Amino acid sequence: MDQSTLQNQVMRDRVILADMNTDDHFPKHLVDECKGIMVQVCRRIETEKPKDPDALYAITHEATERLNDLQATFEENGSEMETGAREALGQEFDVIAKTYGFEADPKRVDRTA
C-alpha cells in the first residue's frame, strides 16, 4: 500500500517499521506486508475519522488480527513475530495514534502481545 498518498505529512514521510526493515531476521516481503497494514490503518483513520479512542481501537484491533494472522507465514519463511517484532509493531501503533491526535492507551491500541 502506497503511503505517499496519505494526507498526514508525518505518516507520509515516516519510515514505517524501520527496525524490522533493516533486520535480516525478518523477510522483507513480510515486513512490507506489515507496513501495508499500518498504512491501511492510517488510511482508515483519515477516511473514517474516528471520534474517540474506542473508535480508534476498533480499527487498530482489526489490523492487529491481520498482523497476528501472518505469524505462520513468518515461521514458514524462517522467521517469527517475536518480542522485537511485536515491540516494533506496538510502537508504530502508538506513533500512528499520537500522530492522528489520539491520547490512546498503548496497551489497548495494540494487541499483538
N, C-alpha and C. Protein backbone atom coordinates (compact mmCIF):
# COMPACT_ATOMS: atom_id res chain seq x y z
N MET A 1 0.85 -1.18 0.00
CA MET A 1 0.00 0.00 0.00
C MET A 1 0.90 1.24 0.00
N ASP A 2 0.56 2.19 -0.82
CA ASP A 2 1.37 3.37 -1.04
C ASP A 2 1.12 4.44 0.02
N GLN A 3 2.10 4.67 0.87
CA GLN A 3 1.91 5.67 1.92
C GLN A 3 2.08 7.09 1.41
N SER A 4 2.57 7.26 0.19
CA SER A 4 2.75 8.61 -0.34
C SER A 4 1.43 9.33 -0.58
N THR A 5 0.34 8.59 -0.57
CA THR A 5 -0.97 9.21 -0.77
C THR A 5 -1.68 9.55 0.54
N LEU A 6 -1.03 9.27 1.67
CA LEU A 6 -1.64 9.62 2.96
C LEU A 6 -1.74 11.13 3.08
N GLN A 7 -2.78 11.58 3.75
CA GLN A 7 -2.98 13.01 3.96
C GLN A 7 -2.04 13.56 5.03
N ASN A 8 -1.74 12.76 6.04
CA ASN A 8 -0.91 13.22 7.15
C ASN A 8 0.56 13.20 6.72
N GLN A 9 1.18 14.36 6.74
CA GLN A 9 2.56 14.51 6.27
C GLN A 9 3.54 13.67 7.09
N VAL A 10 3.34 13.62 8.40
CA VAL A 10 4.25 12.85 9.27
C VAL A 10 4.24 11.38 8.87
N MET A 11 3.04 10.83 8.70
CA MET A 11 2.95 9.41 8.35
C MET A 11 3.36 9.17 6.90
N ARG A 12 3.12 10.14 6.05
CA ARG A 12 3.53 10.01 4.65
C ARG A 12 5.05 9.90 4.54
N ASP A 13 5.76 10.66 5.40
CA ASP A 13 7.22 10.70 5.34
C ASP A 13 7.91 9.68 6.25
N ARG A 14 7.18 9.07 7.15
CA ARG A 14 7.76 8.16 8.14
C ARG A 14 8.26 6.86 7.49
N VAL A 15 9.37 6.37 7.97
CA VAL A 15 9.84 5.04 7.58
C VAL A 15 9.18 4.07 8.56
N ILE A 16 8.12 3.47 8.11
CA ILE A 16 7.33 2.58 8.96
C ILE A 16 8.09 1.28 9.17
N LEU A 17 8.15 0.85 10.43
CA LEU A 17 8.83 -0.39 10.83
C LEU A 17 10.30 -0.40 10.39
N ALA A 18 10.95 0.72 10.59
CA ALA A 18 12.35 0.87 10.16
C ALA A 18 13.24 -0.21 10.77
N ASP A 19 13.08 -0.51 12.06
CA ASP A 19 13.94 -1.51 12.70
C ASP A 19 13.74 -2.90 12.10
N MET A 20 12.51 -3.27 11.83
CA MET A 20 12.25 -4.58 11.22
C MET A 20 12.78 -4.62 9.79
N ASN A 21 12.68 -3.51 9.11
CA ASN A 21 13.11 -3.45 7.71
C ASN A 21 14.61 -3.64 7.56
N THR A 22 15.38 -3.23 8.56
CA THR A 22 16.84 -3.36 8.48
C THR A 22 17.37 -4.62 9.15
N ASP A 23 16.49 -5.41 9.75
CA ASP A 23 16.89 -6.63 10.43
C ASP A 23 16.70 -7.82 9.49
N ASP A 24 17.79 -8.47 9.14
CA ASP A 24 17.73 -9.60 8.20
C ASP A 24 16.93 -10.79 8.71
N HIS A 25 16.61 -10.81 9.99
CA HIS A 25 15.81 -11.89 10.55
C HIS A 25 14.39 -11.88 9.97
N PHE A 26 13.93 -10.70 9.54
CA PHE A 26 12.57 -10.57 9.04
C PHE A 26 12.56 -10.48 7.52
N PRO A 27 11.86 -11.40 6.86
CA PRO A 27 11.79 -11.36 5.39
C PRO A 27 11.19 -10.03 4.92
N LYS A 28 11.86 -9.40 3.98
CA LYS A 28 11.46 -8.08 3.52
C LYS A 28 10.02 -8.06 3.01
N HIS A 29 9.61 -9.09 2.27
CA HIS A 29 8.25 -9.08 1.73
C HIS A 29 7.20 -9.15 2.84
N LEU A 30 7.54 -9.78 3.96
CA LEU A 30 6.59 -9.83 5.08
C LEU A 30 6.58 -8.53 5.87
N VAL A 31 7.74 -7.90 6.00
CA VAL A 31 7.79 -6.58 6.62
C VAL A 31 6.98 -5.61 5.77
N ASP A 32 7.11 -5.72 4.46
CA ASP A 32 6.32 -4.86 3.57
C ASP A 32 4.83 -5.10 3.75
N GLU A 33 4.45 -6.34 3.97
CA GLU A 33 3.04 -6.65 4.21
C GLU A 33 2.56 -6.01 5.52
N CYS A 34 3.40 -6.08 6.54
CA CYS A 34 3.08 -5.43 7.82
C CYS A 34 2.97 -3.92 7.66
N LYS A 35 3.90 -3.35 6.90
CA LYS A 35 3.85 -1.90 6.64
C LYS A 35 2.56 -1.55 5.90
N GLY A 36 2.16 -2.38 4.97
CA GLY A 36 0.91 -2.14 4.25
C GLY A 36 -0.28 -2.11 5.17
N ILE A 37 -0.29 -2.99 6.15
CA ILE A 37 -1.38 -3.00 7.14
C ILE A 37 -1.37 -1.71 7.94
N MET A 38 -0.19 -1.24 8.31
CA MET A 38 -0.09 0.02 9.06
C MET A 38 -0.57 1.21 8.22
N VAL A 39 -0.23 1.21 6.95
CA VAL A 39 -0.70 2.28 6.06
C VAL A 39 -2.22 2.22 5.94
N GLN A 40 -2.77 1.02 5.88
CA GLN A 40 -4.23 0.89 5.83
C GLN A 40 -4.87 1.44 7.09
N VAL A 41 -4.23 1.27 8.25
CA VAL A 41 -4.74 1.86 9.48
C VAL A 41 -4.79 3.38 9.33
N CYS A 42 -3.72 3.95 8.83
CA CYS A 42 -3.68 5.41 8.63
C CYS A 42 -4.79 5.85 7.68
N ARG A 43 -4.93 5.14 6.59
CA ARG A 43 -5.94 5.50 5.60
C ARG A 43 -7.34 5.42 6.20
N ARG A 44 -7.59 4.39 6.99
CA ARG A 44 -8.91 4.27 7.63
C ARG A 44 -9.14 5.40 8.61
N ILE A 45 -8.11 5.78 9.36
CA ILE A 45 -8.26 6.90 10.29
C ILE A 45 -8.60 8.17 9.50
N GLU A 46 -7.92 8.37 8.39
CA GLU A 46 -8.15 9.56 7.59
C GLU A 46 -9.54 9.58 6.95
N THR A 47 -10.04 8.44 6.56
CA THR A 47 -11.35 8.41 5.90
C THR A 47 -12.51 8.27 6.88
N GLU A 48 -12.34 7.45 7.91
CA GLU A 48 -13.43 7.22 8.86
C GLU A 48 -13.48 8.26 9.97
N LYS A 49 -12.35 8.93 10.21
CA LYS A 49 -12.24 9.96 11.24
C LYS A 49 -12.85 9.54 12.58
N PRO A 50 -12.25 8.53 13.21
CA PRO A 50 -12.79 8.07 14.49
C PRO A 50 -12.84 9.22 15.49
N LYS A 51 -13.92 9.26 16.25
CA LYS A 51 -14.17 10.38 17.16
C LYS A 51 -13.55 10.23 18.54
N ASP A 52 -13.20 9.00 18.90
CA ASP A 52 -12.67 8.78 20.25
C ASP A 52 -11.75 7.55 20.22
N PRO A 53 -11.02 7.34 21.31
CA PRO A 53 -10.11 6.18 21.33
C PRO A 53 -10.79 4.84 21.06
N ASP A 54 -12.02 4.67 21.55
CA ASP A 54 -12.69 3.38 21.31
C ASP A 54 -12.89 3.12 19.82
N ALA A 55 -13.23 4.16 19.06
CA ALA A 55 -13.39 4.00 17.62
C ALA A 55 -12.03 3.70 16.97
N LEU A 56 -10.98 4.33 17.49
CA LEU A 56 -9.63 4.03 17.01
C LEU A 56 -9.27 2.58 17.31
N TYR A 57 -9.58 2.12 18.52
CA TYR A 57 -9.24 0.74 18.89
C TYR A 57 -9.91 -0.26 17.95
N ALA A 58 -11.10 0.03 17.49
CA ALA A 58 -11.77 -0.89 16.56
C ALA A 58 -10.94 -1.05 15.29
N ILE A 59 -10.37 0.04 14.82
CA ILE A 59 -9.52 0.00 13.62
C ILE A 59 -8.22 -0.74 13.91
N THR A 60 -7.57 -0.39 15.01
CA THR A 60 -6.26 -1.00 15.30
C THR A 60 -6.39 -2.47 15.67
N HIS A 61 -7.47 -2.84 16.33
CA HIS A 61 -7.63 -4.25 16.70
C HIS A 61 -7.83 -5.13 15.46
N GLU A 62 -8.55 -4.60 14.48
CA GLU A 62 -8.72 -5.36 13.24
C GLU A 62 -7.36 -5.54 12.55
N ALA A 63 -6.55 -4.49 12.56
CA ALA A 63 -5.21 -4.58 11.97
C ALA A 63 -4.35 -5.57 12.74
N THR A 64 -4.47 -5.55 14.05
CA THR A 64 -3.70 -6.47 14.88
C THR A 64 -4.04 -7.91 14.55
N GLU A 65 -5.32 -8.20 14.33
CA GLU A 65 -5.72 -9.55 13.95
C GLU A 65 -5.07 -9.95 12.63
N ARG A 66 -5.02 -9.03 11.68
CA ARG A 66 -4.39 -9.32 10.39
C ARG A 66 -2.89 -9.56 10.57
N LEU A 67 -2.25 -8.77 11.44
CA LEU A 67 -0.83 -8.97 11.71
C LEU A 67 -0.60 -10.32 12.38
N ASN A 68 -1.43 -10.67 13.35
CA ASN A 68 -1.29 -11.96 14.02
C ASN A 68 -1.48 -13.12 13.05
N ASP A 69 -2.33 -12.93 12.04
CA ASP A 69 -2.54 -13.98 11.04
C ASP A 69 -1.29 -14.26 10.21
N LEU A 70 -0.34 -13.33 10.24
CA LEU A 70 0.91 -13.52 9.49
C LEU A 70 1.94 -14.38 10.23
N GLN A 71 1.67 -14.72 11.48
CA GLN A 71 2.63 -15.47 12.29
C GLN A 71 3.09 -16.74 11.58
N ALA A 72 2.16 -17.52 11.08
CA ALA A 72 2.54 -18.78 10.42
C ALA A 72 3.38 -18.51 9.17
N THR A 73 3.07 -17.46 8.46
CA THR A 73 3.83 -17.12 7.26
C THR A 73 5.25 -16.71 7.61
N PHE A 74 5.40 -15.97 8.71
CA PHE A 74 6.75 -15.64 9.18
C PHE A 74 7.51 -16.93 9.48
N GLU A 75 6.86 -17.86 10.18
CA GLU A 75 7.52 -19.13 10.53
C GLU A 75 7.89 -19.92 9.29
N GLU A 76 7.01 -19.95 8.29
CA GLU A 76 7.29 -20.66 7.04
C GLU A 76 8.49 -20.09 6.31
N ASN A 77 8.80 -18.84 6.62
CA ASN A 77 9.92 -18.14 5.98
C ASN A 77 11.14 -18.05 6.89
N GLY A 78 11.19 -18.92 7.91
CA GLY A 78 12.35 -18.99 8.79
C GLY A 78 12.46 -17.84 9.77
N SER A 79 11.36 -17.21 10.07
CA SER A 79 11.36 -16.07 10.99
C SER A 79 10.23 -16.27 11.99
N GLU A 80 10.01 -15.27 12.78
CA GLU A 80 8.88 -15.30 13.70
C GLU A 80 8.56 -13.89 14.15
N MET A 81 7.34 -13.70 14.61
CA MET A 81 6.94 -12.41 15.15
C MET A 81 7.19 -12.48 16.66
N GLU A 82 8.47 -12.34 16.99
CA GLU A 82 8.90 -12.45 18.37
C GLU A 82 8.83 -11.10 19.06
N THR A 83 9.38 -11.02 20.24
CA THR A 83 9.28 -9.82 21.06
C THR A 83 9.71 -8.56 20.33
N GLY A 84 10.82 -8.60 19.62
CA GLY A 84 11.30 -7.41 18.91
C GLY A 84 10.31 -6.93 17.86
N ALA A 85 9.74 -7.88 17.12
CA ALA A 85 8.75 -7.52 16.10
C ALA A 85 7.50 -6.95 16.75
N ARG A 86 7.05 -7.57 17.80
CA ARG A 86 5.83 -7.10 18.47
C ARG A 86 6.04 -5.71 19.09
N GLU A 87 7.23 -5.47 19.61
CA GLU A 87 7.53 -4.15 20.14
C GLU A 87 7.55 -3.11 19.02
N ALA A 88 8.14 -3.46 17.89
CA ALA A 88 8.17 -2.54 16.75
C ALA A 88 6.76 -2.24 16.25
N LEU A 89 5.94 -3.26 16.16
CA LEU A 89 4.56 -3.07 15.72
C LEU A 89 3.79 -2.22 16.73
N GLY A 90 4.00 -2.50 18.01
CA GLY A 90 3.34 -1.71 19.05
C GLY A 90 3.74 -0.25 19.00
N GLN A 91 5.02 0.00 18.75
CA GLN A 91 5.50 1.39 18.63
C GLN A 91 4.84 2.08 17.46
N GLU A 92 4.69 1.39 16.35
CA GLU A 92 4.05 2.00 15.19
C GLU A 92 2.60 2.35 15.48
N PHE A 93 1.89 1.45 16.15
CA PHE A 93 0.51 1.76 16.52
C PHE A 93 0.46 3.00 17.41
N ASP A 94 1.40 3.09 18.34
CA ASP A 94 1.44 4.24 19.25
C ASP A 94 1.74 5.53 18.48
N VAL A 95 2.70 5.48 17.57
CA VAL A 95 3.04 6.65 16.76
C VAL A 95 1.83 7.07 15.92
N ILE A 96 1.18 6.11 15.32
CA ILE A 96 0.00 6.42 14.49
C ILE A 96 -1.06 7.10 15.35
N ALA A 97 -1.37 6.54 16.50
CA ALA A 97 -2.39 7.13 17.37
C ALA A 97 -2.03 8.57 17.73
N LYS A 98 -0.82 8.79 18.16
CA LYS A 98 -0.39 10.13 18.57
C LYS A 98 -0.37 11.09 17.38
N THR A 99 0.10 10.61 16.25
CA THR A 99 0.19 11.46 15.07
C THR A 99 -1.19 11.95 14.63
N TYR A 100 -2.19 11.11 14.82
CA TYR A 100 -3.54 11.50 14.44
C TYR A 100 -4.32 12.13 15.60
N GLY A 101 -3.60 12.47 16.67
CA GLY A 101 -4.19 13.26 17.74
C GLY A 101 -4.92 12.51 18.83
N PHE A 102 -4.65 11.23 18.96
CA PHE A 102 -5.32 10.43 19.99
C PHE A 102 -4.43 10.26 21.21
N GLU A 103 -5.01 10.43 22.36
CA GLU A 103 -4.36 10.09 23.62
C GLU A 103 -4.84 8.69 23.98
N ALA A 104 -4.33 7.73 23.27
CA ALA A 104 -4.79 6.36 23.41
C ALA A 104 -3.87 5.58 24.32
N ASP A 105 -4.44 4.59 24.97
CA ASP A 105 -3.67 3.69 25.83
C ASP A 105 -2.87 2.74 24.92
N PRO A 106 -1.54 2.81 24.96
CA PRO A 106 -0.73 1.97 24.08
C PRO A 106 -1.04 0.48 24.22
N LYS A 107 -1.44 0.06 25.40
CA LYS A 107 -1.76 -1.36 25.60
C LYS A 107 -3.09 -1.75 24.97
N ARG A 108 -3.95 -0.77 24.74
CA ARG A 108 -5.23 -1.07 24.10
C ARG A 108 -5.19 -0.85 22.60
N VAL A 109 -4.28 0.00 22.13
CA VAL A 109 -4.16 0.26 20.71
C VAL A 109 -3.64 -0.98 20.01
N ASP A 110 -2.70 -1.65 20.65
CA ASP A 110 -2.01 -2.79 20.06
C ASP A 110 -2.28 -4.02 20.90
N ARG A 111 -2.76 -5.06 20.26
CA ARG A 111 -2.94 -6.31 20.97
C ARG A 111 -2.11 -7.42 20.36
N THR A 112 -0.90 -7.07 19.91
CA THR A 112 -0.06 -8.12 19.31
C THR A 112 0.70 -8.91 20.35
N ALA A 113 0.64 -8.48 21.59
CA ALA A 113 1.39 -9.18 22.64
C ALA A 113 0.61 -10.34 23.20
